[in-house]
Amino acid sequence: MQQPTFNGIHHVALICSDYQRSKTFYTEVLGLKILAEHYREARQSWKLDLQLADGSQLELFSFPGAPARPSQPEAQGLRHLAFAVTDLDHWVSYLKQQGVAVEAIRVDEYTDKRFTFFQDPDGLPLELYGL
């Protein structure tokens, strides 16, 4: 039997500590489009579906009492989430204007592409990777 192939990444799920703060960050600061928002009474949890320009999605969840991330960025599990961008300098300037701390731009030693890191409101490492 031939090995099947993936078509891409459909979504990445994130759990936040403060739903409204994270919703504001991902929609107003990063500009992701809201596809759907639901409060799940049985779990006392919000679920927010957000879309990126390429159609991929982020799912933002709130769960009462969810444990904090143990360390960053070298904890087991998701290390960071990288967004592909065409104008890295514009994004860095924009994020700084929004009060978001952004690391110095670096160059990937293997691809010669420029990139930088910043964090979401819960300290999740996010990367901007220049195309």
Foldseek 3Di string as FASTA:
>chain_A
DDDDDDPDAQEAEDEDADVVQLVCCCCVLVNWAWPDWDQDVVQNKIWTWTADPVNHIYIYMYGPPDDADPDAQPDPDDNAAEDEDADVVVSVVSCVVVVWDKDDWDADPVPRWIKTWTAGPRRGIYMYTHD
